[in-house]
Amino acid sequence: MFGFRVIECHGCTKLQAEKDALEAEKTILQNEKKELQQQLLAIQDKLHDLTLAKEASRSAIKTGLFTEQQRYLATFVLQPDSSATQLELLAKMVQNLTRQERQCVVMYDEMDIRKVACYDQQLDQVLGPHRRLQQFLVAGIFSKWQVPVLFQFDSAVTVATLLSLIQGIEAAGAEVVATVSDMGGSNLGVWKALGVSHDGRSWFLNPGDSNRRVWVLADPPHIMKRVRNNLLDHGIRTSQGGLLDKALMEEMVAINGASAEYRVAHKVHLATHVQVKNMARQKVRPAMELLSATVALAIERHLGRREEVRALRVLDSGMDVLNAIHPKDVKPLRRGYSGTTEQESALTALEKEARELRVCPRKDALLPFQKGIILSVSSVRGLLQDLKAKFGEQTYLLTRRLSQDRLEGFFGMVRSGGGSNLNPTPTEVRSRLRLLTLLFAIQRGVRPLSGAGPTAPAPAVPSSGEEADDRDPDWLAQLAPLEQELSQSALDDEMAADLREFAPSQHQPEADDNLEAELAEMEELLRSVPAPAAAPPASGAVTGARDLETGVSARDSAKVYVAGYVSRKRSAEDGAAAASSGAEQDEPMGALWTRLKSLGGLTVPTADFMDVFDQMDAAFSVHHCMEPDGLSRRPGVVRDFEAVLESKFRYATSPQVRRVFARVRTFIELQRLNTKHRARVSSDAQREGRKRRQYVPS
């Protein structure tokens, strides 16, 4: 047999060693990989646990606080003809108020809405079509709180509804002392059913407490609109035989002349105050301006109609008492009604005039506005005596809080709650009322989501009824308590957005507050002043009627009035530029108008300053004479004219006077352009109307 011998190779041994090393390294790497996989699995387990914990936390929140708060809001439902939810909020709002701060007035009025039928998702109900919203609002007399307590669609106010609502308000903790409404037919029917009349008692017993009275008042702004409408449509014969009619007011407007730059009674215009028609008659301010003491003064000085002047002043003075605004108002009769001799005399004269004046051609019958005046005078006197018996002789009334101003403002909030949608549907009205009711509760410190009462006492109100600051509230700050609860309970962002719909943006400080205040004041002073005609009057010519006593033209009197306003902006080194309306010194011819109009706050310029004013006025005409319509369109229109004034009048006037004059004069010219444009548009509309009537088939 043959035998073989294995011969070992050195190279093969080396390769085997390398192979064993690689196998060992592979084993190490596999072990490390297993360790890393185990660590990764551990991390994934931890992430899974955290995810489960997070979801559990969210679930706990959702099933706990979130559902509870959402359930509360879901139950906060405002339904037509029901006041239960609103009265619950009212009880929370007034629980920390003093008895004087709980004194309140109930006001009610109608608002037109879009007449359509629509589906309300919250109520699961079809609402409409409805044409009108009847809204009841309860508001404090000595405090500024207010709550919309009841709304109805297409329903007239009834005695049962009013008494039931007052009883509910009393049960909530507030004390109703008065009601106010306009003089619509249904409201007059309610007065009659309650036994209230102008020649009888002006109160009824409180259904919540038969020992207290509820006084009935007519809305003073509505009264003024009724007076204006009857004056323009029929004419009013005063108690002593004078005639207030449209012709007199047209003659008063014509006092200034067609080409006058400056006008007495500058706020009154023929188109907006005398020839007013249709929906324009709903505005209160034009009626107040037409029947004002300033118009009476213009008629007295230039037309000599003394009896008509007396009647206008009686109306103006009496309405001042019924429209008291602030304890320190510039007009003494508007400084809070406290029963002073002057206020009582004004009310007595107003009541007497209302009883004796007659609307042409009627001879004996009293119209609703006359009855409303008599009723309101009696009620405000009786209400003051009741309140003095409760809170002391120092008590006085800010009678504007007894008008429907706050209700009209509330209607404005309802309309503007939808942005450009100013004519809401019944469903939109109900939704906006719901959110506004929540906002009013938050404003008074009530937290409706948690059901808690006021977290802090309401702002203190002086016992005498002193008027608080009338600036608009910071609605975003008032929403802070609600927003805090929203974040804490993870409430829907949609609800927070809905609430902010009614919250205006926060106030941003102005760069120059004094400048903006002066601008607003000048716009109010001169917004109705027309600019000069295209061609100036001939030398020596006088524009407008003359004062019957002094012979000064209306234009010159108004010019001195505006010059006094400009000179009042002088700096300390210009002490000779102007004097107060009570000073005795050298003054221009037309200063009598300013002195008669002033209650102590107007300024009469000196004769020297009037010369400078005339020169600056002429400089303005020269500066803009090359423009087609008399006013430059280049940027810096006021600044450039200020530079002209500085170059010519640097040593005669201060920079403040030059700046104010440049603005005032520019506003006058701007008003002329707008007036001319409106006249052209009106003329075109009349022409088109004549064409349509001409070609209408018979």
Foldseek 3Di string as FASTA:
>chain_A
DDDDDDDDDPVVVVVVVVVVVVVVVVVVVVVVVVVVVVVVVVVVVVVVVVVVVVVVVVVCLCVPLQVLLVVLVLPLAADAPDQVSQLLLLLLLCVQPDQLQLEKEKEKDKDFFDQDWDAFPSVRDIDGSFTIKIWIKIATFLDGFIFTRHIHTPDFDALVSVLVVLLSNVVSPGHYAEYEYAPDPSVVVRCVVQVDFLPDDQWHARSNDRVGIYGYAYFLLNLLLVVLVLQAPFWKQWLVGDTRHLVLLVVLQCQQFDFFQFFQLLVADCDQQRVDDDPSSVDRVSSDSSLELSSLVSCCFFVVRVVVSVVSVLSHLLVLLLQQDFLPDLDNSNNFALPDPSNVVSLVSLLVRLCRMDRPPDDHDRDSSSGNSSSNSNRQVVSNVVVCVVQNSLATGNNNSVHCPVVVVVLVLLQPLVPVRRRHGPSSSSLSSSLVSVLSSLQSQQASSVRHHRPDHGDDGDSNSGDDDPDDDQSVVSCVVVVVSCVVSVHDVVVVVSNCSSGDDGDDDDPDVVVVVLLVVLCVVCVSRAHGDLDDDDPPDAGGGAGPPLRHRSSVLRVQQVLQVLLVQADPVPVLFWDWLPDDDAADSNSPSVNVPDSGHTIGTHPVNVVVVVVLLVVQQVVQVPPPLRADPDPPRLPVSLVVCCVVCVPPGPSRSSSSSSSNNNSNSVSNVVVVVVVVVVVVVVVVVVVVVVPDDD
